[in-house]
PDB file of N, CA and C in Angstrom:
ATOM      1  N   MET A   1      -4.316  13.663 -16.446  1.00  0.00           N
ATOM      2  CA  MET A   1      -3.573  12.239 -16.060  1.00  0.00           C
ATOM      3  C   MET A   1      -3.383  11.447 -16.295  1.00  0.00           C
ATOM      4  N   ASP A   2      -3.881  10.779 -16.918  1.00  0.00           N
ATOM      5  CA  ASP A   2      -4.204   9.528 -17.577  1.00  0.00           C
ATOM      6  C   ASP A   2      -3.209   8.976 -18.560  1.00  0.00           C
ATOM      7  N   ASP A   3      -2.243  10.002 -19.128  1.00  0.00           N
ATOM      8  CA  ASP A   3      -1.354  10.050 -20.056  1.00  0.00           C
ATOM      9  C   ASP A   3      -0.087   9.662 -19.162  1.00  0.00           C
ATOM     10  N   ARG A   4       0.120   9.416 -17.917  1.00  0.00           N
ATOM     11  CA  ARG A   4       0.667   8.957 -17.198  1.00  0.00           C
ATOM     12  C   ARG A   4       0.838   7.859 -16.649  1.00  0.00           C
ATOM     13  N   LYS A   5       0.007   6.837 -16.849  1.00  0.00           N
ATOM     14  CA  LYS A   5      -0.590   5.680 -16.875  1.00  0.00           C
ATOM     15  C   LYS A   5      -0.685   4.408 -17.768  1.00  0.00           C
ATOM     16  N   ILE A   6      -0.160   3.423 -17.953  1.00  0.00           N
ATOM     17  CA  ILE A   6       0.711   2.554 -18.863  1.00  0.00           C
ATOM     18  C   ILE A   6      -1.122   2.082 -18.941  1.00  0.00           C
ATOM     19  N   THR A   7      -0.890   0.876 -20.448  1.00  0.00           N
ATOM     20  CA  THR A   7      -2.275   0.628 -20.485  1.00  0.00           C
ATOM     21  C   THR A   7      -1.846  -1.196 -20.376  1.00  0.00           C
ATOM     22  N   SER A   8      -2.928  -1.794 -20.388  1.00  0.00           N
ATOM     23  CA  SER A   8      -2.277  -3.383 -20.709  1.00  0.00           C
ATOM     24  C   SER A   8      -2.164  -3.425 -22.358  1.00  0.00           C
ATOM     25  N   GLU A   9      -2.944  -2.668 -23.000  1.00  0.00           N
ATOM     26  CA  GLU A   9      -1.939  -3.340 -24.503  1.00  0.00           C
ATOM     27  C   GLU A   9      -0.812  -2.866 -24.244  1.00  0.00           C
ATOM     28  N   GLU A  10      -0.100  -1.444 -23.882  1.00  0.00           N
ATOM     29  CA  GLU A  10       0.916  -1.101 -23.962  1.00  0.00           C
ATOM     30  C   GLU A  10       1.982  -2.059 -23.772  1.00  0.00           C
ATOM     31  N   LEU A  11       1.531  -3.602 -22.055  1.00  0.00           N
ATOM     32  CA  LEU A  11       3.022  -3.990 -21.339  1.00  0.00           C
ATOM     33  C   LEU A  11       2.294  -5.239 -22.128  1.00  0.00           C
ATOM     34  N   LYS A  12       1.366  -5.318 -22.869  1.00  0.00           N
ATOM     35  CA  LYS A  12       0.767  -6.452 -23.788  1.00  0.00           C
ATOM     36  C   LYS A  12       2.134  -6.512 -25.114  1.00  0.00           C
ATOM     37  N   ALA A  13       2.405  -5.458 -25.526  1.00  0.00           N
ATOM     38  CA  ALA A  13       3.407  -5.253 -26.808  1.00  0.00           C
ATOM     39  C   ALA A  13       4.360  -5.774 -26.652  1.00  0.00           C
ATOM     40  N   SER A  14       4.703  -5.276 -25.337  1.00  0.00           N
ATOM     41  CA  SER A  14       5.890  -4.920 -24.768  1.00  0.00           C
ATOM     42  C   SER A  14       6.519  -6.381 -24.223  1.00  0.00           C
ATOM     43  N   LEU A  15       5.735  -7.268 -23.940  1.00  0.00           N
ATOM     44  CA  LEU A  15       5.966  -8.381 -23.535  1.00  0.00           C
ATOM     45  C   LEU A  15       5.763  -9.636 -24.681  1.00  0.00           C
ATOM     46  N   ALA A  16       5.569  -9.301 -25.862  1.00  0.00           N
ATOM     47  CA  ALA A  16       5.020 -10.030 -26.788  1.00  0.00           C
ATOM     48  C   ALA A  16       6.431 -11.627 -27.236  1.00  0.00           C
ATOM     49  N   GLY A  17       7.520 -11.152 -27.235  1.00  0.00           N
ATOM     50  CA  GLY A  17       8.346 -12.058 -27.079  1.00  0.00           C
ATOM     51  C   GLY A  17       8.977 -12.489 -25.859  1.00  0.00           C
ATOM     52  N   ASP A  18       8.847 -12.140 -24.676  1.00  0.00           N
ATOM     53  CA  ASP A  18       8.862 -12.769 -23.333  1.00  0.00           C
ATOM     54  C   ASP A  18       7.833 -13.853 -23.198  1.00  0.00           C
ATOM     55  N   MET A  19       6.435 -13.364 -23.616  1.00  0.00           N
ATOM     56  CA  MET A  19       5.663 -14.709 -23.275  1.00  0.00           C
ATOM     57  C   MET A  19       6.184 -15.766 -24.395  1.00  0.00           C
ATOM     58  N   ASP A  20       6.203 -15.282 -25.299  1.00  0.00           N
ATOM     59  CA  ASP A  20       6.913 -16.238 -26.281  1.00  0.00           C
ATOM     60  C   ASP A  20       7.713 -17.835 -25.837  1.00  0.00           C
ATOM     61  N   ARG A  21       8.419 -16.683 -25.691  1.00  0.00           N
ATOM     62  CA  ARG A  21       9.977 -17.296 -24.556  1.00  0.00           C
ATOM     63  C   ARG A  21       9.138 -18.459 -23.592  1.00  0.00           C
ATOM     64  N   LEU A  22       8.006 -17.555 -22.877  1.00  0.00           N
ATOM     65  CA  LEU A  22       7.631 -18.372 -21.589  1.00  0.00           C
ATOM     66  C   LEU A  22       6.850 -19.720 -22.374  1.00  0.00           C
ATOM     67  N   ILE A  23       6.568 -19.320 -23.237  1.00  0.00           N
ATOM     68  CA  ILE A  23       5.644 -20.756 -23.742  1.00  0.00           C
ATOM     69  C   ILE A  23       6.213 -22.037 -24.397  1.00  0.00           C
ATOM     70  N   ALA A  24       7.506 -21.441 -24.922  1.00  0.00           N
ATOM     71  CA  ALA A  24       8.390 -22.410 -25.626  1.00  0.00           C
ATOM     72  C   ALA A  24       8.950 -23.235 -24.479  1.00  0.00           C
ATOM     73  N   GLU A  25       9.577 -22.733 -23.501  1.00  0.00           N
ATOM     74  CA  GLU A  25       9.751 -23.059 -22.145  1.00  0.00           C
ATOM     75  C   GLU A  25       9.177 -23.894 -21.196  1.00  0.00           C
ATOM     76  N   VAL A  26       7.614 -23.899 -21.219  1.00  0.00           N
ATOM     77  CA  VAL A  26       6.773 -24.909 -20.423  1.00  0.00           C
ATOM     78  C   VAL A  26       6.742 -26.055 -21.577  1.00  0.00           C
ATOM     79  N   VAL A  27       6.490 -25.686 -22.874  1.00  0.00           N
ATOM     80  CA  VAL A  27       6.167 -26.694 -23.973  1.00  0.00           C
ATOM     81  C   VAL A  27       7.268 -27.468 -23.666  1.00  0.00           C
ATOM     82  N   GLU A  28       8.775 -26.833 -24.029  1.00  0.00           N
ATOM     83  CA  GLU A  28      10.109 -28.305 -23.409  1.00  0.00           C
ATOM     84  C   GLU A  28       9.954 -28.643 -22.642  1.00  0.00           C
ATOM     85  N   ALA A  29       9.777 -27.967 -21.012  1.00  0.00           N
ATOM     86  CA  ALA A  29       9.550 -28.394 -20.306  1.00  0.00           C
ATOM     87  C   ALA A  29       8.521 -30.227 -20.105  1.00  0.00           C
ATOM     88  N   MET A  30       7.301 -29.586 -20.635  1.00  0.00           N
ATOM     89  CA  MET A  30       6.315 -30.873 -20.679  1.00  0.00           C
ATOM     90  C   MET A  30       6.356 -31.857 -21.606  1.00  0.00           C
ATOM     91  N   ASN A  31       7.303 -31.625 -22.880  1.00  0.00           N
ATOM     92  CA  ASN A  31       7.337 -32.514 -23.634  1.00  0.00           C
ATOM     93  C   ASN A  31       8.654 -33.437 -23.388  1.00  0.00           C
ATOM     94  N   THR A  32      10.061 -33.098 -22.175  1.00  0.00           N
ATOM     95  CA  THR A  32      10.867 -33.739 -21.956  1.00  0.00           C
ATOM     96  C   THR A  32      10.570 -34.301 -21.085  1.00  0.00           C
ATOM     97  N   ALA A  33       9.708 -34.437 -20.062  1.00  0.00           N
ATOM     98  CA  ALA A  33       9.263 -34.970 -19.007  1.00  0.00           C
ATOM     99  C   ALA A  33       8.788 -36.693 -19.043  1.00  0.00           C
ATOM    100  N   GLU A  34       9.539 -37.346 -18.689  1.00  0.00           N
ATOM    101  CA  GLU A  34       9.434 -38.645 -18.606  1.00  0.00           C
ATOM    102  C   GLU A  34       7.656 -39.186 -18.687  1.00  0.00           C
ATOM    103  N   PRO A  35       7.227 -40.376 -19.403  1.00  0.00           N
ATOM    104  CA  PRO A  35       6.079 -40.477 -18.995  1.00  0.00           C
ATOM    105  C   PRO A  35       5.699 -41.236 -17.481  1.00  0.00           C
ATOM    106  N   GLY A  36       4.688 -40.535 -17.005  1.00  0.00           N
ATOM    107  CA  GLY A  36       4.470 -41.142 -15.250  1.00  0.00           C
ATOM    108  C   GLY A  36       4.950 -40.303 -14.433  1.00  0.00           C
ATOM    109  N   ARG A  37       6.224 -39.115 -14.810  1.00  0.00           N
ATOM    110  CA  ARG A  37       7.014 -38.256 -14.132  1.00  0.00           C
ATOM    111  C   ARG A  37       6.767 -36.563 -14.535  1.00  0.00           C
ATOM    112  N   ILE A  38       5.955 -36.466 -15.050  1.00  0.00           N
ATOM    113  CA  ILE A  38       5.236 -35.527 -16.041  1.00  0.00           C
ATOM    114  C   ILE A  38       5.112 -34.523 -14.998  1.00  0.00           C
ATOM    115  N   ILE A  39       4.835 -34.391 -13.647  1.00  0.00           N
ATOM    116  CA  ILE A  39       4.809 -33.012 -12.971  1.00  0.00           C
ATOM    117  C   ILE A  39       6.354 -33.242 -11.942  1.00  0.00           C
ATOM    118  N   ALA A  40       6.832 -34.737 -11.686  1.00  0.00           N
ATOM    119  CA  ALA A  40       8.199 -34.569 -11.392  1.00  0.00           C
ATOM    120  C   ALA A  40       8.845 -33.658 -11.801  1.00  0.00           C
ATOM    121  N   ASP A  41       9.489 -34.133 -13.348  1.00  0.00           N
ATOM    122  CA  ASP A  41      10.425 -33.691 -14.323  1.00  0.00           C
ATOM    123  C   ASP A  41      10.293 -32.442 -14.892  1.00  0.00           C
ATOM    124  N   SER A  42       8.642 -31.419 -14.871  1.00  0.00           N
ATOM    125  CA  SER A  42       8.391 -30.479 -15.432  1.00  0.00           C
ATOM    126  C   SER A  42       8.479 -28.972 -14.369  1.00  0.00           C
ATOM    127  N   GLU A  43       8.325 -29.585 -13.006  1.00  0.00           N
ATOM    128  CA  GLU A  43       7.861 -28.281 -12.547  1.00  0.00           C
ATOM    129  C   GLU A  43       8.580 -27.073 -11.892  1.00  0.00           C
ATOM    130  N   GLU A  44       9.718 -28.142 -11.382  1.00  0.00           N
ATOM    131  CA  GLU A  44      11.128 -26.956 -11.464  1.00  0.00           C
ATOM    132  C   GLU A  44      11.539 -26.204 -12.662  1.00  0.00           C
ATOM    133  N   PRO A  45      11.370 -26.581 -13.669  1.00  0.00           N
ATOM    134  CA  PRO A  45      11.638 -25.464 -14.935  1.00  0.00           C
ATOM    135  C   PRO A  45      10.491 -24.587 -15.330  1.00  0.00           C
ATOM    136  N   VAL A  46       9.507 -25.076 -15.068  1.00  0.00           N
ATOM    137  CA  VAL A  46       8.046 -24.587 -15.305  1.00  0.00           C
ATOM    138  C   VAL A  46       8.442 -22.929 -14.522  1.00  0.00           C
ATOM    139  N   ARG A  47       8.595 -23.595 -13.013  1.00  0.00           N
ATOM    140  CA  ARG A  47       8.239 -22.758 -12.088  1.00  0.00           C
ATOM    141  C   ARG A  47       9.637 -21.624 -12.295  1.00  0.00           C
ATOM    142  N   ASP A  48      11.082 -21.907 -12.925  1.00  0.00           N
ATOM    143  CA  ASP A  48      11.536 -20.972 -13.084  1.00  0.00           C
ATOM    144  C   ASP A  48      11.337 -20.143 -14.252  1.00  0.00           C
ATOM    145  N   ALA A  49      11.002 -20.885 -15.261  1.00  0.00           N
ATOM    146  CA  ALA A  49      10.042 -20.115 -16.475  1.00  0.00           C
ATOM    147  C   ALA A  49       9.270 -19.005 -16.196  1.00  0.00           C
ATOM    148  N   ASN A  50       8.973 -19.025 -15.134  1.00  0.00           N
ATOM    149  CA  ASN A  50       7.359 -18.298 -14.699  1.00  0.00           C
ATOM    150  C   ASN A  50       8.190 -17.523 -14.069  1.00  0.00           C
ATOM    151  N   ALA A  51       9.410 -17.656 -13.117  1.00  0.00           N
ATOM    152  CA  ALA A  51       9.899 -16.670 -12.204  1.00  0.00           C
ATOM    153  C   ALA A  51      10.509 -15.395 -13.165  1.00  0.00           C
ATOM    154  N   ALA A  52      11.581 -16.350 -14.388  1.00  0.00           N
ATOM    155  CA  ALA A  52      12.094 -15.355 -14.989  1.00  0.00           C
ATOM    156  C   ALA A  52      11.382 -14.615 -15.580  1.00  0.00           C
ATOM    157  N   PHE A  53       9.954 -14.847 -15.926  1.00  0.00           N
ATOM    158  CA  PHE A  53       9.133 -14.101 -16.879  1.00  0.00           C
ATOM    159  C   PHE A  53       8.320 -13.097 -16.130  1.00  0.00           C
ATOM    160  N   ARG A  54       7.879 -13.246 -14.505  1.00  0.00           N
ATOM    161  CA  ARG A  54       7.246 -12.389 -13.706  1.00  0.00           C
ATOM    162  C   ARG A  54       8.448 -11.328 -13.842  1.00  0.00           C
ATOM    163  N   GLU A  55       9.784 -11.778 -13.220  1.00  0.00           N
ATOM    164  CA  GLU A  55      10.527 -10.346 -13.479  1.00  0.00           C
ATOM    165  C   GLU A  55      10.640  -9.384 -14.268  1.00  0.00           C
ATOM    166  N   GLN A  56      10.896  -9.996 -15.403  1.00  0.00           N
ATOM    167  CA  GLN A  56      10.524  -8.984 -17.307  1.00  0.00           C
ATOM    168  C   GLN A  56       9.375  -8.616 -17.197  1.00  0.00           C
ATOM    169  N   LEU A  57       7.828  -9.135 -16.357  1.00  0.00           N
ATOM    170  CA  LEU A  57       7.226  -8.609 -16.677  1.00  0.00           C
ATOM    171  C   LEU A  57       6.779  -7.526 -15.682  1.00  0.00           C
ATOM    172  N   TYR A  58       7.686  -7.189 -14.502  1.00  0.00           N
ATOM    173  CA  TYR A  58       7.594  -6.585 -13.655  1.00  0.00           C
ATOM    174  C   TYR A  58       8.133  -5.360 -14.077  1.00  0.00           C
ATOM    175  N   GLN A  59       9.509  -5.339 -14.581  1.00  0.00           N
ATOM    176  CA  GLN A  59      11.133  -4.460 -15.125  1.00  0.00           C
ATOM    177  C   GLN A  59      10.230  -3.564 -16.127  1.00  0.00           C
ATOM    178  N   LYS A  60       8.999  -4.586 -17.220  1.00  0.00           N
ATOM    179  CA  LYS A  60       9.010  -3.673 -18.632  1.00  0.00           C
ATOM    180  C   LYS A  60       7.786  -2.780 -17.863  1.00  0.00           C
ATOM    181  N   ALA A  61       6.829  -3.409 -16.867  1.00  0.00           N
ATOM    182  CA  ALA A  61       5.551  -1.923 -16.698  1.00  0.00           C
ATOM    183  C   ALA A  61       6.224  -1.095 -15.559  1.00  0.00           C
ATOM    184  N   VAL A  62       7.598  -1.924 -15.162  1.00  0.00           N
ATOM    185  CA  VAL A  62       8.328   0.109 -14.416  1.00  0.00           C
ATOM    186  C   VAL A  62       8.801   1.160 -15.122  1.00  0.00           C
ATOM    187  N   ASP A  63       9.111   0.249 -16.263  1.00  0.00           N
ATOM    188  CA  ASP A  63      10.444   0.563 -17.496  1.00  0.00           C
ATOM    189  C   ASP A  63       9.046   1.524 -17.932  1.00  0.00           C
ATOM    190  N   LEU A  64       7.756   1.137 -18.625  1.00  0.00           N
ATOM    191  CA  LEU A  64       7.021   1.542 -19.549  1.00  0.00           C
ATOM    192  C   LEU A  64       6.578   2.678 -18.627  1.00  0.00           C
ATOM    193  N   LEU A  65       5.644   2.689 -17.376  1.00  0.00           N
ATOM    194  CA  LEU A  65       5.311   3.384 -16.305  1.00  0.00           C
ATOM    195  C   LEU A  65       6.563   4.889 -16.021  1.00  0.00           C
ATOM    196  N   GLN A  66       7.946   4.647 -15.782  1.00  0.00           N
ATOM    197  CA  GLN A  66       8.627   5.710 -15.570  1.00  0.00           C
ATOM    198  C   GLN A  66       9.041   6.473 -16.806  1.00  0.00           C
ATOM    199  N   ALA A  67       8.918   5.767 -17.795  1.00  0.00           N
ATOM    200  CA  ALA A  67       9.322   6.722 -19.601  1.00  0.00           C
ATOM    201  C   ALA A  67       7.957   7.644 -18.868  1.00  0.00           C
ATOM    202  N   LYS A  68       6.661   7.110 -19.286  1.00  0.00           N
ATOM    203  CA  LYS A  68       5.477   8.310 -19.522  1.00  0.00           C
ATOM    204  C   LYS A  68       5.847   9.228 -18.276  1.00  0.00           C
ATOM    205  N   GLN A  69       6.131   8.871 -17.307  1.00  0.00           N
ATOM    206  CA  GLN A  69       5.886   9.722 -16.232  1.00  0.00           C
ATOM    207  C   GLN A  69       6.956  10.678 -16.319  1.00  0.00           C
ATOM    208  N   GLU A  70       8.441  10.312 -16.793  1.00  0.00           N
ATOM    209  CA  GLU A  70       9.400  11.424 -17.436  1.00  0.00           C
ATOM    210  C   GLU A  70       9.343  12.998 -18.129  1.00  0.00           C
ATOM    211  N   ALA A  71       7.888  11.906 -19.103  1.00  0.00           N
ATOM    212  CA  ALA A  71       7.767  12.679 -20.431  1.00  0.00           C
ATOM    213  C   ALA A  71       6.888  13.640 -20.258  1.00  0.00           C
ATOM    214  N   PHE A  72       6.118  14.014 -18.328  1.00  0.00           N
ATOM    215  CA  PHE A  72       5.471  14.910 -18.366  1.00  0.00           C
ATOM    216  C   PHE A  72       6.415  15.579 -17.305  1.00  0.00           C
ATOM    217  N   SER A  73       7.931  15.416 -16.506  1.00  0.00           N
ATOM    218  CA  SER A  73       8.386  15.829 -15.637  1.00  0.00           C
ATOM    219  C   SER A  73       8.221  17.356 -16.035  1.00  0.00           C
ATOM    220  N   PRO A  74       8.512  17.926 -15.061  1.00  0.00           N
ATOM    221  CA  PRO A  74       8.714  19.573 -15.281  1.00  0.00           C
ATOM    222  C   PRO A  74      10.414  20.227 -16.145  1.00  0.00           C
ATOM    223  N   SER A  75      10.172  20.941 -17.011  1.00  0.00           N
ATOM    224  CA  SER A  75      11.809  21.162 -17.224  1.00  0.00           C
ATOM    225  C   SER A  75      12.659  21.899 -16.341  1.00  0.00           C
ATOM    226  N   ALA A  76      14.180  21.575 -16.615  1.00  0.00           N
ATOM    227  CA  ALA A  76      14.990  22.042 -15.668  1.00  0.00           C
ATOM    228  C   ALA A  76      14.559  23.735 -15.511  1.00  0.00           C
ATOM    229  N   ASP A  77      14.208  24.558 -16.347  1.00  0.00           N
ATOM    230  CA  ASP A  77      14.128  25.748 -16.442  1.00  0.00           C
ATOM    231  C   ASP A  77      12.844  25.789 -15.035  1.00  0.00           C
ATOM    232  N   HIS A  78      11.744  25.162 -15.360  1.00  0.00           N
ATOM    233  CA  HIS A  78      10.873  25.044 -14.008  1.00  0.00           C
ATOM    234  C   HIS A  78      11.315  24.932 -12.694  1.00  0.00           C
ATOM    235  N   ASP A  79      12.260  24.080 -12.875  1.00  0.00           N
ATOM    236  CA  ASP A  79      12.454  23.594 -11.093  1.00  0.00           C
ATOM    237  C   ASP A  79      13.659  24.427 -10.635  1.00  0.00           C
ATOM    238  N   GLY A  80      14.298  25.240 -11.417  1.00  0.00           N
ATOM    239  CA  GLY A  80      15.272  26.675 -11.384  1.00  0.00           C
ATOM    240  C   GLY A  80      14.550  27.611 -10.971  1.00  0.00           C
ATOM    241  N   ALA A  81      13.154  28.084 -11.578  1.00  0.00           N
ATOM    242  CA  ALA A  81      12.577  29.017 -10.938  1.00  0.00           C
ATOM    243  C   ALA A  81      11.697  29.036  -9.681  1.00  0.00           C
ATOM    244  N   MET A  82      11.452  28.187  -9.443  1.00  0.00           N
ATOM    245  CA  MET A  82      10.523  26.841  -7.969  1.00  0.00           C
ATOM    246  C   MET A  82      11.781  27.061  -7.159  1.00  0.00           C
ATOM    247  N   ALA A  83      13.144  26.549  -7.418  1.00  0.00           N
ATOM    248  CA  ALA A  83      14.289  27.116  -6.085  1.00  0.00           C
ATOM    249  C   ALA A  83      14.633  28.063  -6.079  1.00  0.00           C
ATOM    250  N   GLU A  84      14.453  29.141  -6.934  1.00  0.00           N
ATOM    251  CA  GLU A  84      14.893  30.398  -6.574  1.00  0.00           C
ATOM    252  C   GLU A  84      14.010  30.671  -6.458  1.00  0.00           C
ATOM    253  N   GLN A  85      11.696  30.997  -6.166  1.00  0.00           N
ATOM    254  CA  GLN A  85      11.346  30.821  -5.305  1.00  0.00           C
ATOM    255  C   GLN A  85      11.668  31.190  -4.602  1.00  0.00           C
ATOM    256  N   GLY A  86      11.801  29.990  -3.625  1.00  0.00           N
ATOM    257  CA  GLY A  86      11.899  29.079  -2.169  1.00  0.00           C
ATOM    258  C   GLY A  86      13.056  29.990  -1.622  1.00  0.00           C
ATOM    259  N   GLN A  87      14.130  30.471  -2.142  1.00  0.00           N
ATOM    260  CA  GLN A  87      15.561  31.139  -1.903  1.00  0.00           C
ATOM    261  C   GLN A  87      14.682  32.187  -1.531  1.00  0.00           C
ATOM    262  N   ALA A  88      13.920  33.074  -1.995  1.00  0.00           N
ATOM    263  CA  ALA A  88      13.619  34.577  -2.133  1.00  0.00           C
ATOM    264  C   ALA A  88      12.857  34.631  -0.924  1.00  0.00           C
ATOM    265  N   ASP A  89      12.074  33.372  -0.975  1.00  0.00           N
ATOM    266  CA  ASP A  89      11.679  33.300   0.696  1.00  0.00           C
ATOM    267  C   ASP A  89      12.048  32.697   2.101  1.00  0.00           C
ATOM    268  N   ASP A  90      13.129  32.422   1.438  1.00  0.00           N
ATOM    269  CA  ASP A  90      13.665  32.366   2.667  1.00  0.00           C
ATOM    270  C   ASP A  90      14.679  33.709   3.390  1.00  0.00           C
ATOM    271  N   GLN A  91      15.087  34.358   2.833  1.00  0.00           N
ATOM    272  CA  GLN A  91      15.455  35.323   2.941  1.00  0.00           C
ATOM    273  C   GLN A  91      14.717  36.372   3.664  1.00  0.00           C
ATOM    274  N   PRO A  92      15.725  37.262   4.948  1.00  0.00           N
ATOM    275  CA  PRO A  92      14.527  38.478   5.299  1.00  0.00           C
ATOM    276  C   PRO A  92      14.383  39.686   4.459  1.00  0.00           C
ATOM    277  N   SER A  93      12.868  40.206   5.310  1.00  0.00           N
ATOM    278  CA  SER A  93      13.189  41.489   4.191  1.00  0.00           C
ATOM    279  C   SER A  93      14.358  42.899   4.326  1.00  0.00           C
ATOM    280  N   ASP A  94      13.790  43.530   3.801  1.00  0.00           N
ATOM    281  CA  ASP A  94      14.826  44.528   3.809  1.00  0.00           C
ATOM    282  C   ASP A  94      14.183  45.687   5.007  1.00  0.00           C
ATOM    283  N   ASP A  95      13.127  45.839   5.079  1.00  0.00           N
ATOM    284  CA  ASP A  95      11.772  46.517   5.947  1.00  0.00           C
ATOM    285  C   ASP A  95      12.960  46.473   8.056  1.00  0.00           C
TER     286      ASP A  95
END
């Protein structure tokens, strides 16, 4: 069952480029802020960068989990056999 779960290591590896981008955007916002206006000048760009990162984080986590769960989904033949069994149970007996 644990093979269907994602790990923090997998998610970290998937997000490496996104994390680097977030850090670069935060650094840029902080370094371009005017002296005495650090919060006023950087708060909005940092908040926007965090919002974009949060969406990417969640989307990649969903994608990883979905890929793992799809790897364990039953084959089409197995689904067909189950459907056929269900139909047979619904039909009246010949007795």
